[in-house]
All heavy atoms as atom14 arrays in JSON, in Angstrom:
{
  "sequence": "LDGRVELVVEGDPRPVERMIEWCKVGPDLAVV",
  "atom14_mask": [
    [1, 1, 1, 1, 1, 1, 1, 1, 0, 0, 0, 0, 0, 0],
    [1, 1, 1, 1, 1, 1, 1, 1, 0, 0, 0, 0, 0, 0],
    [1, 1, 1, 1, 0, 0, 0, 0, 0, 0, 0, 0, 0, 0],
    [1, 1, 1, 1, 1, 1, 1, 1, 1, 1, 1, 0, 0, 0],
    [1, 1, 1, 1, 1, 1, 1, 0, 0, 0, 0, 0, 0, 0],
    [1, 1, 1, 1, 1, 1, 1, 1, 1, 0, 0, 0, 0, 0],
    [1, 1, 1, 1, 1, 1, 1, 1, 0, 0, 0, 0, 0, 0],
    [1, 1, 1, 1, 1, 1, 1, 0, 0, 0, 0, 0, 0, 0],
    [1, 1, 1, 1, 1, 1, 1, 0, 0, 0, 0, 0, 0, 0],
    [1, 1, 1, 1, 1, 1, 1, 1, 1, 0, 0, 0, 0, 0],
    [1, 1, 1, 1, 0, 0, 0, 0, 0, 0, 0, 0, 0, 0],
    [1, 1, 1, 1, 1, 1, 1, 1, 0, 0, 0, 0, 0, 0],
    [1, 1, 1, 1, 1, 1, 1, 0, 0, 0, 0, 0, 0, 0],
    [1, 1, 1, 1, 1, 1, 1, 1, 1, 1, 1, 0, 0, 0],
    [1, 1, 1, 1, 1, 1, 1, 0, 0, 0, 0, 0, 0, 0],
    [1, 1, 1, 1, 1, 1, 1, 0, 0, 0, 0, 0, 0, 0],
    [1, 1, 1, 1, 1, 1, 1, 1, 1, 0, 0, 0, 0, 0],
    [1, 1, 1, 1, 1, 1, 1, 1, 1, 1, 1, 0, 0, 0],
    [1, 1, 1, 1, 1, 1, 1, 1, 0, 0, 0, 0, 0, 0],
    [1, 1, 1, 1, 1, 1, 1, 1, 0, 0, 0, 0, 0, 0],
    [1, 1, 1, 1, 1, 1, 1, 1, 1, 0, 0, 0, 0, 0],
    [1, 1, 1, 1, 1, 1, 1, 1, 1, 1, 1, 1, 1, 1],
    [1, 1, 1, 1, 1, 1, 0, 0, 0, 0, 0, 0, 0, 0],
    [1, 1, 1, 1, 1, 1, 1, 1, 1, 0, 0, 0, 0, 0],
    [1, 1, 1, 1, 1, 1, 1, 0, 0, 0, 0, 0, 0, 0],
    [1, 1, 1, 1, 0, 0, 0, 0, 0, 0, 0, 0, 0, 0],
    [1, 1, 1, 1, 1, 1, 1, 0, 0, 0, 0, 0, 0, 0],
    [1, 1, 1, 1, 1, 1, 1, 1, 0, 0, 0, 0, 0, 0],
    [1, 1, 1, 1, 1, 1, 1, 1, 0, 0, 0, 0, 0, 0],
    [1, 1, 1, 1, 1, 0, 0, 0, 0, 0, 0, 0, 0, 0],
    [1, 1, 1, 1, 1, 1, 1, 0, 0, 0, 0, 0, 0, 0],
    [1, 1, 1, 1, 1, 1, 1, 0, 0, 0, 0, 0, 0, 0]
  ],
  "atom14_positions": [
    [[-33.12, -11.86, 22.12], [-33.97, -12.19, 23.27], [-34.01, -13.7, 23.57], [-34.33, -14.05, 24.65], [-35.41, -11.69, 22.86], [-35.63, -10.16, 22.73], [-36.98, -9.84, 22.36], [-35.18, -9.53, 24.11], [0.0, 0.0, 0.0], [0.0, 0.0, 0.0], [0.0, 0.0, 0.0], [0.0, 0.0, 0.0], [0.0, 0.0, 0.0], [0.0, 0.0, 0.0]],
    [[-33.66, -14.49, 22.56], [-33.71, -15.96, 22.77], [-32.43, -16.54, 23.37], [-32.23, -17.72, 23.43], [-34.04, -16.64, 21.5], [-33.0, -16.53, 20.39], [-31.92, -15.88, 20.58], [-33.25, -16.93, 19.3], [0.0, 0.0, 0.0], [0.0, 0.0, 0.0], [0.0, 0.0, 0.0], [0.0, 0.0, 0.0], [0.0, 0.0, 0.0], [0.0, 0.0, 0.0]],
    [[-31.45, -15.65, 23.77], [-30.22, -16.07, 24.46], [-29.06, -16.21, 23.5], [-27.91, -16.47, 23.97], [0.0, 0.0, 0.0], [0.0, 0.0, 0.0], [0.0, 0.0, 0.0], [0.0, 0.0, 0.0], [0.0, 0.0, 0.0], [0.0, 0.0, 0.0], [0.0, 0.0, 0.0], [0.0, 0.0, 0.0], [0.0, 0.0, 0.0], [0.0, 0.0, 0.0]],
    [[-29.21, -16.01, 22.29], [-28.14, -16.07, 21.28], [-27.48, -14.68, 21.21], [-28.01, -13.72, 21.69], [-28.57, -16.55, 19.94], [-29.23, -17.91, 19.92], [-29.68, -18.3, 18.55], [-30.79, -17.48, 18.09], [-31.22, -17.36, 16.83], [-30.71, -18.16, 15.86], [-32.2, -16.52, 16.45], [0.0, 0.0, 0.0], [0.0, 0.0, 0.0], [0.0, 0.0, 0.0]],
    [[-26.37, -14.67, 20.46], [-25.64, -13.36, 20.2], [-25.53, -13.29, 18.64], [-25.26, -14.24, 18.03], [-24.25, -13.34, 20.86], [-23.47, -12.16, 20.34], [-24.38, -13.28, 22.36], [0.0, 0.0, 0.0], [0.0, 0.0, 0.0], [0.0, 0.0, 0.0], [0.0, 0.0, 0.0], [0.0, 0.0, 0.0], [0.0, 0.0, 0.0], [0.0, 0.0, 0.0]],
    [[-25.74, -12.06, 18.18], [-25.66, -11.82, 16.73], [-24.62, -10.74, 16.49], [-24.51, -9.77, 17.18], [-27.04, -11.28, 16.26], [-27.02, -10.89, 14.78], [-28.39, -10.35, 14.28], [-29.13, -9.79, 15.12], [-28.69, -10.5, 13.09], [0.0, 0.0, 0.0], [0.0, 0.0, 0.0], [0.0, 0.0, 0.0], [0.0, 0.0, 0.0], [0.0, 0.0, 0.0]],
    [[-23.83, -11.02, 15.46], [-22.78, -10.02, 15.02], [-22.9, -9.77, 13.53], [-23.23, -10.71, 12.81], [-21.37, -10.68, 15.23], [-20.81, -11.07, 16.56], [-21.28, -12.45, 16.86], [-19.37, -10.89, 16.67], [0.0, 0.0, 0.0], [0.0, 0.0, 0.0], [0.0, 0.0, 0.0], [0.0, 0.0, 0.0], [0.0, 0.0, 0.0], [0.0, 0.0, 0.0]],
    [[-22.59, -8.6, 13.16], [-22.39, -8.27, 11.75], [-21.01, -7.69, 11.65], [-20.64, -6.78, 12.46], [-23.39, -7.21, 11.19], [-23.03, -6.8, 9.75], [-24.79, -7.88, 11.12], [0.0, 0.0, 0.0], [0.0, 0.0, 0.0], [0.0, 0.0, 0.0], [0.0, 0.0, 0.0], [0.0, 0.0, 0.0], [0.0, 0.0, 0.0], [0.0, 0.0, 0.0]],
    [[-20.19, -8.35, 10.84], [-18.75, -8.08, 10.83], [-18.36, -7.8, 9.36], [-18.68, -8.51, 8.46], [-17.89, -9.19, 11.37], [-16.38, -8.85, 11.39], [-18.38, -9.59, 12.76], [0.0, 0.0, 0.0], [0.0, 0.0, 0.0], [0.0, 0.0, 0.0], [0.0, 0.0, 0.0], [0.0, 0.0, 0.0], [0.0, 0.0, 0.0], [0.0, 0.0, 0.0]],
    [[-17.59, -6.63, 9.16], [-17.22, -6.32, 7.74], [-15.76, -5.84, 7.8], [-15.32, -5.14, 8.73], [-18.04, -5.14, 7.25], [-17.81, -4.82, 5.85], [-18.85, -3.92, 5.26], [-19.96, -4.34, 5.07], [-18.51, -2.77, 4.97], [0.0, 0.0, 0.0], [0.0, 0.0, 0.0], [0.0, 0.0, 0.0], [0.0, 0.0, 0.0], [0.0, 0.0, 0.0]],
    [[-15.0, -6.22, 6.83], [-13.58, -5.82, 6.73], [-12.85, -6.67, 5.69], [-13.46, -7.41, 4.91], [0.0, 0.0, 0.0], [0.0, 0.0, 0.0], [0.0, 0.0, 0.0], [0.0, 0.0, 0.0], [0.0, 0.0, 0.0], [0.0, 0.0, 0.0], [0.0, 0.0, 0.0], [0.0, 0.0, 0.0], [0.0, 0.0, 0.0], [0.0, 0.0, 0.0]],
    [[-11.51, -6.75, 5.86], [-10.66, -7.56, 5.08], [-11.03, -8.99, 5.31], [-11.3, -9.45, 6.44], [-9.19, -7.31, 5.35], [-8.68, -6.02, 4.91], [-9.31, -5.45, 3.97], [-7.78, -5.43, 5.62], [0.0, 0.0, 0.0], [0.0, 0.0, 0.0], [0.0, 0.0, 0.0], [0.0, 0.0, 0.0], [0.0, 0.0, 0.0], [0.0, 0.0, 0.0]],
    [[-11.06, -9.83, 4.3], [-11.52, -11.24, 4.39], [-10.69, -12.08, 5.48], [-11.38, -12.81, 6.21], [-11.27, -11.82, 3.01], [-11.38, -10.66, 2.13], [-10.79, -9.54, 2.88], [0.0, 0.0, 0.0], [0.0, 0.0, 0.0], [0.0, 0.0, 0.0], [0.0, 0.0, 0.0], [0.0, 0.0, 0.0], [0.0, 0.0, 0.0], [0.0, 0.0, 0.0]],
    [[-9.43, -11.94, 5.58], [-8.69, -12.82, 6.54], [-9.16, -12.48, 7.96], [-9.36, -13.41, 8.78], [-7.16, -12.61, 6.31], [-6.44, -13.42, 7.34], [-4.97, -13.38, 7.05], [-4.53, -14.42, 6.16], [-3.46, -14.45, 5.52], [-2.6, -13.47, 5.51], [-3.22, -15.51, 4.71], [0.0, 0.0, 0.0], [0.0, 0.0, 0.0], [0.0, 0.0, 0.0]],
    [[-9.13, -11.17, 8.4], [-9.61, -10.92, 9.77], [-11.08, -11.3, 9.99], [-11.39, -11.73, 11.08], [-9.33, -9.44, 9.93], [-8.39, -9.03, 8.92], [-8.61, -10.02, 7.75], [0.0, 0.0, 0.0], [0.0, 0.0, 0.0], [0.0, 0.0, 0.0], [0.0, 0.0, 0.0], [0.0, 0.0, 0.0], [0.0, 0.0, 0.0], [0.0, 0.0, 0.0]],
    [[-11.89, -11.18, 8.96], [-13.28, -11.59, 9.15], [-13.36, -13.15, 9.42], [-14.04, -13.57, 10.32], [-14.12, -11.28, 7.94], [-15.53, -11.96, 7.91], [-14.31, -9.79, 7.78], [0.0, 0.0, 0.0], [0.0, 0.0, 0.0], [0.0, 0.0, 0.0], [0.0, 0.0, 0.0], [0.0, 0.0, 0.0], [0.0, 0.0, 0.0], [0.0, 0.0, 0.0]],
    [[-12.56, -13.94, 8.76], [-12.4, -15.36, 8.93], [-11.93, -15.65, 10.41], [-12.45, -16.59, 11.01], [-11.57, -16.06, 7.95], [-12.28, -16.24, 6.56], [-13.55, -16.96, 6.63], [-13.6, -18.03, 7.35], [-14.5, -16.63, 6.01], [0.0, 0.0, 0.0], [0.0, 0.0, 0.0], [0.0, 0.0, 0.0], [0.0, 0.0, 0.0], [0.0, 0.0, 0.0]],
    [[-10.92, -14.91, 10.84], [-10.39, -15.08, 12.12], [-11.52, -14.74, 13.18], [-11.54, -15.43, 14.26], [-9.14, -14.24, 12.38], [-7.94, -14.75, 11.55], [-6.72, -13.95, 11.73], [-6.15, -14.11, 13.06], [-5.2, -13.4, 13.58], [-4.61, -12.44, 12.82], [-4.77, -13.57, 14.79], [0.0, 0.0, 0.0], [0.0, 0.0, 0.0], [0.0, 0.0, 0.0]],
    [[-12.3, -13.77, 13.01], [-13.36, -13.45, 13.89], [-14.4, -14.6, 13.95], [-14.86, -14.93, 15.03], [-14.08, -12.14, 13.4], [-14.98, -11.51, 14.38], [-14.07, -10.79, 15.75], [-15.47, -10.23, 16.8], [0.0, 0.0, 0.0], [0.0, 0.0, 0.0], [0.0, 0.0, 0.0], [0.0, 0.0, 0.0], [0.0, 0.0, 0.0], [0.0, 0.0, 0.0]],
    [[-14.75, -15.16, 12.78], [-15.69, -16.28, 12.76], [-15.07, -17.45, 13.55], [-15.78, -18.04, 14.33], [-15.9, -16.71, 11.3], [-16.7, -15.61, 10.59], [-16.67, -18.07, 11.3], [-16.76, -15.89, 9.08], [0.0, 0.0, 0.0], [0.0, 0.0, 0.0], [0.0, 0.0, 0.0], [0.0, 0.0, 0.0], [0.0, 0.0, 0.0], [0.0, 0.0, 0.0]],
    [[-13.8, -17.77, 13.45], [-13.14, -18.8, 14.13], [-13.24, -18.51, 15.66], [-13.45, -19.37, 16.47], [-11.7, -19.0, 13.74], [-11.6, -19.62, 12.36], [-12.39, -20.89, 12.22], [-12.15, -21.76, 13.11], [-13.22, -21.07, 11.29], [0.0, 0.0, 0.0], [0.0, 0.0, 0.0], [0.0, 0.0, 0.0], [0.0, 0.0, 0.0], [0.0, 0.0, 0.0]],
    [[-13.03, -17.25, 16.07], [-13.12, -16.93, 17.45], [-14.46, -17.12, 18.0], [-14.68, -17.6, 19.2], [-12.63, -15.4, 17.67], [-12.84, -15.03, 19.13], [-11.96, -15.23, 20.18], [-13.99, -14.41, 19.79], [-12.47, -14.77, 21.34], [-13.71, -14.23, 21.12], [-15.2, -13.93, 19.26], [-14.57, -13.64, 22.0], [-16.08, -13.35, 20.07], [-15.79, -13.17, 21.45]],
    [[-15.54, -16.78, 17.24], [-16.9, -16.96, 17.64], [-17.25, -18.48, 17.97], [-18.16, -18.66, 18.76], [-17.85, -16.42, 16.51], [-17.88, -14.64, 16.47], [0.0, 0.0, 0.0], [0.0, 0.0, 0.0], [0.0, 0.0, 0.0], [0.0, 0.0, 0.0], [0.0, 0.0, 0.0], [0.0, 0.0, 0.0], [0.0, 0.0, 0.0], [0.0, 0.0, 0.0]],
    [[-16.52, -19.39, 17.32], [-16.73, -20.77, 17.6], [-16.29, -21.17, 18.98], [-16.63, -22.24, 19.5], [-16.04, -21.63, 16.51], [-16.58, -21.37, 15.13], [-15.88, -22.25, 14.15], [-16.5, -21.92, 12.75], [-15.71, -22.59, 11.67], [0.0, 0.0, 0.0], [0.0, 0.0, 0.0], [0.0, 0.0, 0.0], [0.0, 0.0, 0.0], [0.0, 0.0, 0.0]],
    [[-15.48, -20.32, 19.71], [-14.99, -20.65, 21.02], [-15.45, -19.55, 22.0], [-15.96, -19.93, 23.08], [-13.41, -20.62, 21.09], [-12.93, -20.85, 22.42], [-12.9, -21.73, 20.01], [0.0, 0.0, 0.0], [0.0, 0.0, 0.0], [0.0, 0.0, 0.0], [0.0, 0.0, 0.0], [0.0, 0.0, 0.0], [0.0, 0.0, 0.0], [0.0, 0.0, 0.0]],
    [[-15.38, -18.28, 21.6], [-15.81, -17.21, 22.46], [-14.95, -16.87, 23.59], [-13.8, -17.52, 23.67], [0.0, 0.0, 0.0], [0.0, 0.0, 0.0], [0.0, 0.0, 0.0], [0.0, 0.0, 0.0], [0.0, 0.0, 0.0], [0.0, 0.0, 0.0], [0.0, 0.0, 0.0], [0.0, 0.0, 0.0], [0.0, 0.0, 0.0], [0.0, 0.0, 0.0]],
    [[-15.34, -16.08, 24.55], [-14.47, -15.83, 25.72], [-14.44, -16.99, 26.65], [-15.19, -17.9, 26.5], [-15.08, -14.59, 26.3], [-16.54, -14.63, 25.88], [-16.57, -15.33, 24.5], [0.0, 0.0, 0.0], [0.0, 0.0, 0.0], [0.0, 0.0, 0.0], [0.0, 0.0, 0.0], [0.0, 0.0, 0.0], [0.0, 0.0, 0.0], [0.0, 0.0, 0.0]],
    [[-13.59, -16.95, 27.64], [-13.31, -18.09, 28.59], [-14.6, -18.6, 29.15], [-14.76, -19.86, 29.31], [-12.36, -17.67, 29.66], [-11.0, -17.4, 29.23], [-10.61, -17.87, 28.13], [-10.22, -16.73, 29.9], [0.0, 0.0, 0.0], [0.0, 0.0, 0.0], [0.0, 0.0, 0.0], [0.0, 0.0, 0.0], [0.0, 0.0, 0.0], [0.0, 0.0, 0.0]],
    [[-15.6, -17.84, 29.57], [-16.76, -18.33, 30.28], [-17.86, -18.88, 29.38], [-18.83, -19.42, 29.84], [-17.27, -17.28, 31.23], [-16.39, -16.81, 32.37], [-16.98, -15.64, 33.1], [-16.08, -18.01, 33.3], [0.0, 0.0, 0.0], [0.0, 0.0, 0.0], [0.0, 0.0, 0.0], [0.0, 0.0, 0.0], [0.0, 0.0, 0.0], [0.0, 0.0, 0.0]],
    [[-17.67, -18.64, 28.09], [-18.75, -19.03, 27.11], [-18.69, -20.49, 26.83], [-17.67, -21.11, 26.99], [-18.57, -18.22, 25.8], [0.0, 0.0, 0.0], [0.0, 0.0, 0.0], [0.0, 0.0, 0.0], [0.0, 0.0, 0.0], [0.0, 0.0, 0.0], [0.0, 0.0, 0.0], [0.0, 0.0, 0.0], [0.0, 0.0, 0.0], [0.0, 0.0, 0.0]],
    [[-19.8, -21.07, 26.47], [-19.99, -22.42, 25.97], [-20.7, -22.33, 24.63], [-21.96, -22.24, 24.63], [-20.73, -23.31, 26.96], [-20.86, -24.75, 26.45], [-20.1, -23.29, 28.34], [0.0, 0.0, 0.0], [0.0, 0.0, 0.0], [0.0, 0.0, 0.0], [0.0, 0.0, 0.0], [0.0, 0.0, 0.0], [0.0, 0.0, 0.0], [0.0, 0.0, 0.0]],
    [[-19.96, -22.31, 23.54], [-20.59, -22.1, 22.28], [-21.07, -23.5, 21.79], [-20.27, -24.44, 21.74], [-19.58, -21.51, 21.23], [-20.14, -21.45, 19.9], [-19.17, -20.14, 21.72], [0.0, 0.0, 0.0], [0.0, 0.0, 0.0], [0.0, 0.0, 0.0], [0.0, 0.0, 0.0], [0.0, 0.0, 0.0], [0.0, 0.0, 0.0], [0.0, 0.0, 0.0]]
  ]
}
């Protein structure tokens, strides 16, 4: 509700880390 996005991600450690790195940038229109 405050404008943030929340994720819970589970799986092999390497892809989880890659997902975290992607979250630091997000899709093209995002400003993280």
